[in-house]
Amino acid sequence: MAAAWAVLAVLLVAAQAASAAPVVAPAFLWAPKNYGFCSDDAKEVVHYQTVSPKGLAKSVLEEGGWSNLMEDAQKNVDVAIVFLGSKLQSSDISKDKQIDPALADTLKLSFTSSEFSMAFPYVSTSDDEKLENSLLSGFAENCNSCLERNRVTYTDTCTVTGQDLKKHHSMDSIRDLVTSRMGNNPSGQTDLVVFCSGGFEDLDPAKSEGELLSELVAMLKKSGAKYTILYASQPSGLLENPSNLPQGRYLAEKTNTTKAGRAKCDGECLVKSTLLEGTFVGIVLLIILISGLMCMMGIDTPSRFEAPQES
């Protein structure tokens, strides 16, 4: 019986090791108008594959059209924003109670009301490298001239390596940049602003991610600028397995859905649940087999039997 418990312990340790995965967080890309840098049917598009930050950067450039707006002066926008958060995880999207309701509302409204919008529910992140470095590295690898032709600026909370930083210390600084570029951009360059977690170092009083994103979107709308925004998050905390996330097209739904609707299991979910059930059944059968063999080995029967006595 001791051997059976030992096998069970090994299987449990192996299962825990297999289930360990990087923290996954969602990313959203949108523009209020389709400025001609992407296909006309790119609205509320959801990519359910798990991608790395560099993979996200590649998708944003190719499928999101950022390579066109950064390389072609005729298809430019005034400013492209990379807004980086640190709280939102993929599993938070489908929860009834949000950690930051303002953030969830802003993302959902922007995603559903924009002419161009894409979602990446599963972006694997790691604490080994800052998200801003990973994304900029991905932009540079997949579009050599994008960062060279266009001016890149950062908020003062960014930690970017190997870059000549021009930093913004307040929302007014970003507003001044946007205003100065509108109608006065003969070179056709698009300004790329990296808005890192926390916003600004001297922000008083402190504001949540949702409040900062909402304020930024409101400022861009009021200015009349042509803009596009990429939101991504690098949460820190417990590791979670993307295969266990009850994630659906929550933000893509324009009307409120019931809990039963959000809990619907699609084809990929059914395959994974079937494999998980089969794994558990196999473990139970293996334990039963080992226990039965141990019991049979423990049976002590006599090697000889006495001859029957004659009456």
C-alpha atoms as a PDB file:
ATOM      1  CA  MET A   1       0.000   0.000   0.000  1.00  0.00           C
ATOM      2  CA  ALA A   2       2.921   2.313   0.688  1.00  0.00           C
ATOM      3  CA  ALA A   3       4.027   1.931  -2.932  1.00  0.00           C
ATOM      4  CA  ALA A   4       0.582   3.028  -4.120  1.00  0.00           C
ATOM      5  CA  TRP A   5       0.736   6.205  -2.043  1.00  0.00           C
ATOM      6  CA  ALA A   6       4.235   6.892  -3.357  1.00  0.00           C
ATOM      7  CA  VAL A   7       3.020   6.579  -6.954  1.00  0.00           C
ATOM      8  CA  LEU A   8       0.092   8.894  -6.195  1.00  0.00           C
ATOM      9  CA  ALA A   9       2.429  11.503  -4.714  1.00  0.00           C
ATOM     10  CA  VAL A  10       4.646  11.390  -7.787  1.00  0.00           C
ATOM     11  CA  LEU A  11       1.641  11.807 -10.074  1.00  0.00           C
ATOM     12  CA  LEU A  12       0.373  14.796  -8.102  1.00  0.00           C
ATOM     13  CA  VAL A  13       3.778  16.497  -8.232  1.00  0.00           C
ATOM     14  CA  ALA A  14       3.965  15.865 -11.973  1.00  0.00           C
ATOM     15  CA  ALA A  15       0.476  17.290 -12.486  1.00  0.00           C
ATOM     16  CA  GLN A  16       1.360  20.461 -10.553  1.00  0.00           C
ATOM     17  CA  ALA A  17       4.534  20.917 -12.567  1.00  0.00           C
ATOM     18  CA  ALA A  18       2.648  20.467 -15.832  1.00  0.00           C
ATOM     19  CA  SER A  19      -0.015  22.985 -14.847  1.00  0.00           C
ATOM     20  CA  ALA A  20       2.489  25.749 -14.034  1.00  0.00           C
ATOM     21  CA  ALA A  21       2.350  28.471 -16.669  1.00  0.00           C
ATOM     22  CA  PRO A  22       3.238  32.137 -16.972  1.00  0.00           C
ATOM     23  CA  VAL A  23       0.672  34.674 -15.855  1.00  0.00           C
ATOM     24  CA  VAL A  24      -1.604  35.518 -18.762  1.00  0.00           C
ATOM     25  CA  ALA A  25      -3.181  38.907 -19.303  1.00  0.00           C
ATOM     26  CA  PRO A  26      -5.416  40.390 -21.997  1.00  0.00           C
ATOM     27  CA  ALA A  27      -4.488  42.976 -24.614  1.00  0.00           C
ATOM     28  CA  PHE A  28      -6.798  45.221 -26.639  1.00  0.00           C
ATOM     29  CA  LEU A  29      -6.138  47.266 -29.745  1.00  0.00           C
ATOM     30  CA  TRP A  30      -8.578  49.818 -31.089  1.00  0.00           C
ATOM     31  CA  ALA A  31      -8.999  53.020 -33.083  1.00  0.00           C
ATOM     32  CA  PRO A  32     -12.234  55.060 -33.026  1.00  0.00           C
ATOM     33  CA  LYS A  33     -12.126  55.364 -36.821  1.00  0.00           C
ATOM     34  CA  ASN A  34     -10.588  53.159 -39.472  1.00  0.00           C
ATOM     35  CA  TYR A  35      -7.929  55.461 -40.867  1.00  0.00           C
ATOM     36  CA  GLY A  36      -7.043  53.165 -43.745  1.00  0.00           C
ATOM     37  CA  PHE A  37      -4.091  51.383 -42.130  1.00  0.00           C
ATOM     38  CA  CYS A  38      -5.981  48.100 -41.702  1.00  0.00           C
ATOM     39  CA  SER A  39      -8.699  46.040 -43.371  1.00  0.00           C
ATOM     40  CA  ASP A  40     -12.274  47.315 -43.306  1.00  0.00           C
ATOM     41  CA  ASP A  41     -13.654  44.214 -41.548  1.00  0.00           C
ATOM     42  CA  ALA A  42     -11.297  44.395 -38.536  1.00  0.00           C
ATOM     43  CA  LYS A  43     -13.941  45.115 -35.896  1.00  0.00           C
ATOM     44  CA  GLU A  44     -14.319  43.162 -32.658  1.00  0.00           C
ATOM     45  CA  VAL A  45     -11.813  40.542 -33.827  1.00  0.00           C
ATOM     46  CA  VAL A  46     -10.698  38.156 -31.061  1.00  0.00           C
ATOM     47  CA  HIS A  47      -7.538  36.009 -31.228  1.00  0.00           C
ATOM     48  CA  TYR A  48      -7.830  33.198 -28.680  1.00  0.00           C
ATOM     49  CA  GLN A  49      -4.310  31.827 -29.129  1.00  0.00           C
ATOM     50  CA  THR A  50      -1.833  32.347 -26.289  1.00  0.00           C
ATOM     51  CA  VAL A  51       0.911  34.692 -27.520  1.00  0.00           C
ATOM     52  CA  SER A  52       4.090  36.149 -26.066  1.00  0.00           C
ATOM     53  CA  PRO A  53       4.620  39.935 -25.806  1.00  0.00           C
ATOM     54  CA  LYS A  54       6.826  39.803 -28.917  1.00  0.00           C
ATOM     55  CA  GLY A  55       4.136  37.780 -30.679  1.00  0.00           C
ATOM     56  CA  LEU A  56       1.627  40.447 -29.656  1.00  0.00           C
ATOM     57  CA  ALA A  57       3.883  43.146 -31.104  1.00  0.00           C
ATOM     58  CA  LYS A  58       4.089  41.227 -34.389  1.00  0.00           C
ATOM     59  CA  SER A  59       0.305  40.828 -34.564  1.00  0.00           C
ATOM     60  CA  VAL A  60      -0.221  44.520 -33.811  1.00  0.00           C
ATOM     61  CA  LEU A  61       2.156  45.474 -36.636  1.00  0.00           C
ATOM     62  CA  GLU A  62       0.852  43.018 -39.221  1.00  0.00           C
ATOM     63  CA  GLU A  63      -2.823  42.399 -38.408  1.00  0.00           C
ATOM     64  CA  GLY A  64      -3.393  45.631 -36.510  1.00  0.00           C
ATOM     65  CA  GLY A  65      -1.895  47.710 -39.284  1.00  0.00           C
ATOM     66  CA  TRP A  66       0.639  49.606 -37.178  1.00  0.00           C
ATOM     67  CA  SER A  67       3.419  48.821 -39.658  1.00  0.00           C
ATOM     68  CA  ASN A  68       1.392  50.634 -42.335  1.00  0.00           C
ATOM     69  CA  LEU A  69       0.693  53.712 -40.277  1.00  0.00           C
ATOM     70  CA  MET A  70       4.329  53.959 -39.141  1.00  0.00           C
ATOM     71  CA  GLU A  71       5.896  53.344 -42.545  1.00  0.00           C
ATOM     72  CA  ASP A  72       3.420  55.019 -44.905  1.00  0.00           C
ATOM     73  CA  ALA A  73       3.081  58.761 -44.445  1.00  0.00           C
ATOM     74  CA  GLN A  74      -0.248  58.710 -46.308  1.00  0.00           C
ATOM     75  CA  LYS A  75      -1.839  56.347 -43.779  1.00  0.00           C
ATOM     76  CA  ASN A  76      -0.604  57.881 -40.579  1.00  0.00           C
ATOM     77  CA  VAL A  77      -2.452  58.830 -37.433  1.00  0.00           C
ATOM     78  CA  ASP A  78      -1.377  61.648 -35.145  1.00  0.00           C
ATOM     79  CA  VAL A  79      -0.464  59.466 -32.196  1.00  0.00           C
ATOM     80  CA  ALA A  80      -0.299  55.787 -31.269  1.00  0.00           C
ATOM     81  CA  ILE A  81      -0.574  54.970 -27.569  1.00  0.00           C
ATOM     82  CA  VAL A  82       0.797  51.876 -25.823  1.00  0.00           C
ATOM     83  CA  PHE A  83      -0.946  51.806 -22.434  1.00  0.00           C
ATOM     84  CA  LEU A  84       0.603  49.283 -20.033  1.00  0.00           C
ATOM     85  CA  GLY A  85      -1.210  48.142 -16.904  1.00  0.00           C
ATOM     86  CA  SER A  86      -0.221  45.932 -13.996  1.00  0.00           C
ATOM     87  CA  LYS A  87      -3.467  44.634 -12.499  1.00  0.00           C
ATOM     88  CA  LEU A  88      -5.727  43.016 -15.081  1.00  0.00           C
ATOM     89  CA  GLN A  89      -5.445  39.270 -15.684  1.00  0.00           C
ATOM     90  CA  SER A  90      -7.304  37.253 -18.308  1.00  0.00           C
ATOM     91  CA  SER A  91      -9.478  35.579 -15.685  1.00  0.00           C
ATOM     92  CA  ASP A  92     -10.651  38.980 -14.387  1.00  0.00           C
ATOM     93  CA  ILE A  93     -12.556  39.826 -17.567  1.00  0.00           C
ATOM     94  CA  SER A  94     -15.402  37.365 -17.015  1.00  0.00           C
ATOM     95  CA  LYS A  95     -15.827  38.116 -13.313  1.00  0.00           C
ATOM     96  CA  ASP A  96     -18.963  39.891 -12.126  1.00  0.00           C
ATOM     97  CA  LYS A  97     -17.019  41.971  -9.611  1.00  0.00           C
ATOM     98  CA  GLN A  98     -14.123  43.798 -11.220  1.00  0.00           C
ATOM     99  CA  ILE A  99     -10.998  44.920  -9.366  1.00  0.00           C
ATOM    100  CA  ASP A 100     -11.050  48.150 -11.360  1.00  0.00           C
ATOM    101  CA  PRO A 101     -14.579  48.759 -12.721  1.00  0.00           C
ATOM    102  CA  ALA A 102     -13.521  51.952 -14.522  1.00  0.00           C
ATOM    103  CA  LEU A 103     -10.854  50.013 -16.445  1.00  0.00           C
ATOM    104  CA  ALA A 104     -13.253  47.237 -17.475  1.00  0.00           C
ATOM    105  CA  ASP A 105     -15.912  49.730 -18.564  1.00  0.00           C
ATOM    106  CA  THR A 106     -13.449  51.806 -20.604  1.00  0.00           C
ATOM    107  CA  LEU A 107     -12.011  48.751 -22.343  1.00  0.00           C
ATOM    108  CA  LYS A 108     -15.429  47.278 -23.122  1.00  0.00           C
ATOM    109  CA  LEU A 109     -16.830  50.562 -24.422  1.00  0.00           C
ATOM    110  CA  SER A 110     -13.753  51.267 -26.543  1.00  0.00           C
ATOM    111  CA  PHE A 111     -13.687  47.734 -27.941  1.00  0.00           C
ATOM    112  CA  THR A 112     -17.347  47.631 -28.942  1.00  0.00           C
ATOM    113  CA  SER A 113     -17.845  51.212 -30.135  1.00  0.00           C
ATOM    114  CA  SER A 114     -14.701  51.626 -32.256  1.00  0.00           C
ATOM    115  CA  GLU A 115     -14.669  51.030 -36.007  1.00  0.00           C
ATOM    116  CA  PHE A 116     -11.437  49.060 -35.615  1.00  0.00           C
ATOM    117  CA  SER A 117     -10.871  46.776 -32.613  1.00  0.00           C
ATOM    118  CA  MET A 118      -8.969  43.590 -31.826  1.00  0.00           C
ATOM    119  CA  ALA A 119      -8.587  41.565 -28.625  1.00  0.00           C
ATOM    120  CA  PHE A 120      -5.883  39.153 -27.475  1.00  0.00           C
ATOM    121  CA  PRO A 121      -7.290  37.474 -24.314  1.00  0.00           C
ATOM    122  CA  TYR A 122      -4.166  35.424 -23.562  1.00  0.00           C
ATOM    123  CA  VAL A 123      -0.795  37.183 -23.559  1.00  0.00           C
ATOM    124  CA  SER A 124       1.773  35.307 -21.479  1.00  0.00           C
ATOM    125  CA  THR A 125       3.921  37.608 -19.365  1.00  0.00           C
ATOM    126  CA  SER A 126       6.926  37.095 -17.135  1.00  0.00           C
ATOM    127  CA  ASP A 127       8.626  39.070 -14.380  1.00  0.00           C
ATOM    128  CA  ASP A 128      11.983  38.443 -16.071  1.00  0.00           C
ATOM    129  CA  GLU A 129      11.543  41.364 -18.483  1.00  0.00           C
ATOM    130  CA  LYS A 130       9.487  44.531 -18.402  1.00  0.00           C
ATOM    131  CA  LEU A 131       6.554  44.490 -20.782  1.00  0.00           C
ATOM    132  CA  GLU A 132       7.579  47.787 -22.376  1.00  0.00           C
ATOM    133  CA  ASN A 133      10.983  46.333 -23.276  1.00  0.00           C
ATOM    134  CA  SER A 134       9.439  43.168 -24.735  1.00  0.00           C
ATOM    135  CA  LEU A 135       6.951  45.090 -26.891  1.00  0.00           C
ATOM    136  CA  LEU A 136       9.491  47.604 -28.182  1.00  0.00           C
ATOM    137  CA  SER A 137      11.886  44.768 -28.923  1.00  0.00           C
ATOM    138  CA  GLY A 138       9.106  43.009 -30.852  1.00  0.00           C
ATOM    139  CA  PHE A 139       8.355  46.196 -32.812  1.00  0.00           C
ATOM    140  CA  ALA A 140      12.027  46.595 -33.706  1.00  0.00           C
ATOM    141  CA  GLU A 141      12.432  42.955 -34.791  1.00  0.00           C
ATOM    142  CA  ASN A 142       9.388  42.939 -37.068  1.00  0.00           C
ATOM    143  CA  CYS A 143       9.565  46.495 -38.413  1.00  0.00           C
ATOM    144  CA  ASN A 144      13.094  47.852 -38.675  1.00  0.00           C
ATOM    145  CA  SER A 145      12.146  51.393 -39.618  1.00  0.00           C
ATOM    146  CA  CYS A 146       9.110  51.806 -37.358  1.00  0.00           C
ATOM    147  CA  LEU A 147      10.962  53.064 -34.293  1.00  0.00           C
ATOM    148  CA  GLU A 148      13.502  54.945 -36.380  1.00  0.00           C
ATOM    149  CA  ARG A 149      11.042  56.957 -38.476  1.00  0.00           C
ATOM    150  CA  ASN A 150       8.657  57.773 -35.650  1.00  0.00           C
ATOM    151  CA  ARG A 151       9.303  59.635 -32.431  1.00  0.00           C
ATOM    152  CA  VAL A 152       8.911  57.504 -29.292  1.00  0.00           C
ATOM    153  CA  THR A 153       8.219  59.095 -25.904  1.00  0.00           C
ATOM    154  CA  TYR A 154       7.473  57.592 -22.496  1.00  0.00           C
ATOM    155  CA  THR A 155       5.857  58.430 -19.186  1.00  0.00           C
ATOM    156  CA  ASP A 156       8.346  58.800 -16.349  1.00  0.00           C
ATOM    157  CA  THR A 157       7.345  55.471 -14.756  1.00  0.00           C
ATOM    158  CA  CYS A 158       8.726  53.473 -17.713  1.00  0.00           C
ATOM    159  CA  THR A 159      11.879  51.390 -17.344  1.00  0.00           C
ATOM    160  CA  VAL A 160      13.192  51.104 -20.886  1.00  0.00           C
ATOM    161  CA  THR A 161      16.711  49.862 -21.526  1.00  0.00           C
ATOM    162  CA  GLY A 162      18.946  51.088 -24.323  1.00  0.00           C
ATOM    163  CA  GLN A 163      16.695  53.973 -25.303  1.00  0.00           C
ATOM    164  CA  ASP A 164      17.230  57.723 -25.481  1.00  0.00           C
ATOM    165  CA  LEU A 165      14.252  58.567 -23.312  1.00  0.00           C
ATOM    166  CA  LYS A 166      12.058  61.600 -23.693  1.00  0.00           C
ATOM    167  CA  LYS A 167       9.662  61.408 -20.792  1.00  0.00           C
ATOM    168  CA  HIS A 168       6.274  62.868 -19.971  1.00  0.00           C
ATOM    169  CA  HIS A 169       5.716  63.913 -16.363  1.00  0.00           C
ATOM    170  CA  SER A 170       2.008  64.721 -16.590  1.00  0.00           C
ATOM    171  CA  MET A 171      -1.067  64.310 -18.751  1.00  0.00           C
ATOM    172  CA  ASP A 172      -0.662  67.933 -19.821  1.00  0.00           C
ATOM    173  CA  SER A 173       2.661  67.029 -21.436  1.00  0.00           C
ATOM    174  CA  ILE A 174       0.965  64.354 -23.567  1.00  0.00           C
ATOM    175  CA  ARG A 175      -1.824  66.807 -24.431  1.00  0.00           C
ATOM    176  CA  ASP A 176       0.739  69.380 -25.578  1.00  0.00           C
ATOM    177  CA  LEU A 177       2.440  66.749 -27.753  1.00  0.00           C
ATOM    178  CA  VAL A 178      -0.825  65.724 -29.401  1.00  0.00           C
ATOM    179  CA  THR A 179      -1.861  69.321 -29.982  1.00  0.00           C
ATOM    180  CA  SER A 180       1.469  70.228 -31.524  1.00  0.00           C
ATOM    181  CA  ARG A 181       1.316  67.324 -33.985  1.00  0.00           C
ATOM    182  CA  MET A 182      -2.210  67.985 -35.249  1.00  0.00           C
ATOM    183  CA  GLY A 183      -2.161  69.795 -38.576  1.00  0.00           C
ATOM    184  CA  ASN A 184       1.579  70.386 -38.265  1.00  0.00           C
ATOM    185  CA  ASN A 185       3.123  67.108 -39.324  1.00  0.00           C
ATOM    186  CA  PRO A 186       4.690  67.552 -42.772  1.00  0.00           C
ATOM    187  CA  SER A 187       6.867  64.451 -42.441  1.00  0.00           C
ATOM    188  CA  GLY A 188       3.883  62.181 -41.856  1.00  0.00           C
ATOM    189  CA  GLN A 189       5.408  60.717 -38.712  1.00  0.00           C
ATOM    190  CA  THR A 190       3.284  59.067 -36.052  1.00  0.00           C
ATOM    191  CA  ASP A 191       4.214  59.739 -32.448  1.00  0.00           C
ATOM    192  CA  LEU A 192       4.374  56.595 -30.319  1.00  0.00           C
ATOM    193  CA  VAL A 193       3.666  57.264 -26.642  1.00  0.00           C
ATOM    194  CA  VAL A 194       4.395  54.470 -24.157  1.00  0.00           C
ATOM    195  CA  PHE A 195       2.194  54.995 -21.087  1.00  0.00           C
ATOM    196  CA  CYS A 196       3.577  52.719 -18.358  1.00  0.00           C
ATOM    197  CA  SER A 197       1.948  51.368 -15.219  1.00  0.00           C
ATOM    198  CA  GLY A 198       1.258  53.998 -12.587  1.00  0.00           C
ATOM    199  CA  GLY A 199       1.170  56.850 -15.056  1.00  0.00           C
ATOM    200  CA  PHE A 200       3.451  59.458 -13.561  1.00  0.00           C
ATOM    201  CA  GLU A 201       5.870  59.419 -10.634  1.00  0.00           C
ATOM    202  CA  ASP A 202       4.572  62.614  -9.030  1.00  0.00           C
ATOM    203  CA  LEU A 203       0.883  61.856  -9.586  1.00  0.00           C
ATOM    204  CA  ASP A 204      -1.074  63.310  -6.662  1.00  0.00           C
ATOM    205  CA  PRO A 205      -3.578  62.076  -5.776  1.00  0.00           C
ATOM    206  CA  ALA A 206      -2.887  58.578  -7.071  1.00  0.00           C
ATOM    207  CA  LYS A 207      -5.287  57.287  -9.720  1.00  0.00           C
ATOM    208  CA  SER A 208      -6.283  53.795 -10.778  1.00  0.00           C
ATOM    209  CA  GLU A 209      -5.484  52.356 -14.193  1.00  0.00           C
ATOM    210  CA  GLY A 210      -9.093  52.783 -15.223  1.00  0.00           C
ATOM    211  CA  GLU A 211      -9.131  56.457 -14.257  1.00  0.00           C
ATOM    212  CA  LEU A 212      -5.871  57.132 -16.115  1.00  0.00           C
ATOM    213  CA  LEU A 213      -7.014  55.290 -19.254  1.00  0.00           C
ATOM    214  CA  SER A 214     -10.408  56.991 -19.178  1.00  0.00           C
ATOM    215  CA  GLU A 215      -8.761  60.407 -18.764  1.00  0.00           C
ATOM    216  CA  LEU A 216      -6.350  59.683 -21.614  1.00  0.00           C
ATOM    217  CA  VAL A 217      -9.133  58.574 -23.986  1.00  0.00           C
ATOM    218  CA  ALA A 218     -11.261  61.600 -23.072  1.00  0.00           C
ATOM    219  CA  MET A 219      -8.316  63.936 -23.730  1.00  0.00           C
ATOM    220  CA  LEU A 220      -7.662  62.385 -27.159  1.00  0.00           C
ATOM    221  CA  LYS A 221     -11.324  62.598 -28.139  1.00  0.00           C
ATOM    222  CA  LYS A 222     -11.567  66.214 -27.028  1.00  0.00           C
ATOM    223  CA  SER A 223      -8.439  67.175 -28.978  1.00  0.00           C
ATOM    224  CA  GLY A 224      -9.862  65.753 -32.200  1.00  0.00           C
ATOM    225  CA  ALA A 225      -6.663  63.842 -32.879  1.00  0.00           C
ATOM    226  CA  LYS A 226      -6.466  60.688 -34.976  1.00  0.00           C
ATOM    227  CA  TYR A 227      -5.294  58.029 -32.560  1.00  0.00           C
ATOM    228  CA  THR A 228      -5.029  54.316 -31.931  1.00  0.00           C
ATOM    229  CA  ILE A 229      -4.433  52.621 -28.569  1.00  0.00           C
ATOM    230  CA  LEU A 230      -2.896  49.307 -27.552  1.00  0.00           C
ATOM    231  CA  TYR A 231      -3.698  48.245 -23.985  1.00  0.00           C
ATOM    232  CA  ALA A 232      -1.618  45.449 -22.458  1.00  0.00           C
ATOM    233  CA  SER A 233      -1.072  44.285 -18.895  1.00  0.00           C
ATOM    234  CA  GLN A 234       1.752  42.682 -16.950  1.00  0.00           C
ATOM    235  CA  PRO A 235       0.162  41.507 -13.699  1.00  0.00           C
ATOM    236  CA  SER A 236       2.249  40.110 -10.895  1.00  0.00           C
ATOM    237  CA  GLY A 237       1.020  37.383  -8.571  1.00  0.00           C
ATOM    238  CA  LEU A 238       0.133  33.711  -8.599  1.00  0.00           C
ATOM    239  CA  LEU A 239       0.660  31.737 -11.752  1.00  0.00           C
ATOM    240  CA  GLU A 240      -2.441  30.689 -13.570  1.00  0.00           C
ATOM    241  CA  ASN A 241      -2.998  28.204 -16.344  1.00  0.00           C
ATOM    242  CA  PRO A 242      -4.623  29.686 -19.453  1.00  0.00           C
ATOM    243  CA  SER A 243      -6.405  26.392 -20.133  1.00  0.00           C
ATOM    244  CA  ASN A 244      -8.333  26.742 -16.864  1.00  0.00           C
ATOM    245  CA  LEU A 245      -9.658  30.247 -17.568  1.00  0.00           C
ATOM    246  CA  PRO A 246     -13.429  30.469 -18.126  1.00  0.00           C
ATOM    247  CA  GLN A 247     -12.782  33.064 -20.790  1.00  0.00           C
ATOM    248  CA  GLY A 248     -15.306  33.919 -23.469  1.00  0.00           C
ATOM    249  CA  ARG A 249     -16.216  36.787 -25.704  1.00  0.00           C
ATOM    250  CA  TYR A 250     -17.163  38.814 -22.643  1.00  0.00           C
ATOM    251  CA  LEU A 251     -15.916  42.193 -23.815  1.00  0.00           C
ATOM    252  CA  ALA A 252     -17.075  41.533 -27.367  1.00  0.00           C
ATOM    253  CA  GLU A 253     -20.706  41.225 -26.298  1.00  0.00           C
ATOM    254  CA  LYS A 254     -22.675  44.415 -26.675  1.00  0.00           C
ATOM    255  CA  THR A 255     -25.488  43.261 -24.387  1.00  0.00           C
ATOM    256  CA  ASN A 256     -25.360  41.823 -20.915  1.00  0.00           C
ATOM    257  CA  THR A 257     -25.350  38.046 -20.865  1.00  0.00           C
ATOM    258  CA  THR A 258     -26.349  35.616 -18.176  1.00  0.00           C
ATOM    259  CA  LYS A 259     -23.884  33.621 -16.135  1.00  0.00           C
ATOM    260  CA  ALA A 260     -24.946  30.495 -17.996  1.00  0.00           C
ATOM    261  CA  GLY A 261     -24.113  32.152 -21.323  1.00  0.00           C
ATOM    262  CA  ARG A 262     -20.627  33.159 -20.192  1.00  0.00           C
ATOM    263  CA  ALA A 263     -19.987  29.686 -18.790  1.00  0.00           C
ATOM    264  CA  LYS A 264     -20.695  27.964 -22.113  1.00  0.00           C
ATOM    265  CA  CYS A 265     -17.948  25.535 -23.047  1.00  0.00           C
ATOM    266  CA  ASP A 266     -16.811  25.749 -26.672  1.00  0.00           C
ATOM    267  CA  GLY A 267     -15.086  23.054 -28.748  1.00  0.00           C
ATOM    268  CA  GLU A 268     -11.608  23.733 -27.384  1.00  0.00           C
ATOM    269  CA  CYS A 269     -12.971  23.702 -23.832  1.00  0.00           C
ATOM    270  CA  LEU A 270     -14.694  20.342 -24.423  1.00  0.00           C
ATOM    271  CA  VAL A 271     -11.496  18.760 -25.733  1.00  0.00           C
ATOM    272  CA  LYS A 272      -9.476  19.972 -22.759  1.00  0.00           C
ATOM    273  CA  SER A 273     -12.113  18.929 -20.233  1.00  0.00           C
ATOM    274  CA  THR A 274     -12.316  15.474 -21.822  1.00  0.00           C
ATOM    275  CA  LEU A 275      -8.546  15.059 -21.623  1.00  0.00           C
ATOM    276  CA  LEU A 276      -8.573  16.176 -17.988  1.00  0.00           C
ATOM    277  CA  GLU A 277     -11.334  13.737 -17.110  1.00  0.00           C
ATOM    278  CA  GLY A 278      -9.463  10.916 -18.854  1.00  0.00           C
ATOM    279  CA  THR A 279      -6.307  11.784 -16.899  1.00  0.00           C
ATOM    280  CA  PHE A 280      -8.118  11.592 -13.572  1.00  0.00           C
ATOM    281  CA  VAL A 281      -9.808   8.292 -14.513  1.00  0.00           C
ATOM    282  CA  GLY A 282      -6.435   6.853 -15.547  1.00  0.00           C
ATOM    283  CA  ILE A 283      -4.869   7.890 -12.234  1.00  0.00           C
ATOM    284  CA  VAL A 284      -7.705   6.226 -10.275  1.00  0.00           C
ATOM    285  CA  LEU A 285      -7.457   3.001 -12.300  1.00  0.00           C
ATOM    286  CA  LEU A 286      -3.697   2.943 -11.846  1.00  0.00           C
ATOM    287  CA  ILE A 287      -4.050   3.302  -8.085  1.00  0.00           C
ATOM    288  CA  ILE A 288      -6.634   0.480  -8.035  1.00  0.00           C
ATOM    289  CA  LEU A 289      -4.334  -1.758 -10.084  1.00  0.00           C
ATOM    290  CA  ILE A 290      -1.317  -1.129  -7.863  1.00  0.00           C
ATOM    291  CA  SER A 291      -3.403  -1.660  -4.713  1.00  0.00           C
ATOM    292  CA  GLY A 292      -4.768  -4.944  -6.089  1.00  0.00           C
ATOM    293  CA  LEU A 293      -1.295  -6.226  -6.973  1.00  0.00           C
ATOM    294  CA  MET A 294       0.013  -5.321  -3.516  1.00  0.00           C
ATOM    295  CA  CYS A 295      -2.911  -7.158  -1.877  1.00  0.00           C
ATOM    296  CA  MET A 296      -2.364 -10.259  -4.015  1.00  0.00           C
ATOM    297  CA  MET A 297       1.331 -10.268  -3.157  1.00  0.00           C
ATOM    298  CA  GLY A 298       0.421 -10.091   0.507  1.00  0.00           C
ATOM    299  CA  ILE A 299      -1.734 -13.237   0.439  1.00  0.00           C
ATOM    300  CA  ASP A 300       0.087 -16.037   2.339  1.00  0.00           C
ATOM    301  CA  THR A 301      -1.073 -19.509   1.207  1.00  0.00           C
ATOM    302  CA  PRO A 302       0.423 -22.852   2.364  1.00  0.00           C
ATOM    303  CA  SER A 303       2.817 -24.503  -0.040  1.00  0.00           C
ATOM    304  CA  ARG A 304       1.612 -28.025   0.886  1.00  0.00           C
ATOM    305  CA  PHE A 305      -1.726 -29.436   1.884  1.00  0.00           C
ATOM    306  CA  GLU A 306      -2.227 -32.444   4.134  1.00  0.00           C
ATOM    307  CA  ALA A 307      -3.560 -35.577   2.535  1.00  0.00           C
ATOM    308  CA  PRO A 308      -7.165 -36.358   3.501  1.00  0.00           C
ATOM    309  CA  GLN A 309      -7.448 -38.905   6.274  1.00  0.00           C
ATOM    310  CA  GLU A 310      -8.993 -42.221   5.350  1.00  0.00           C
ATOM    311  CA  SER A 311     -12.101 -43.076   7.357  1.00  0.00           C
END
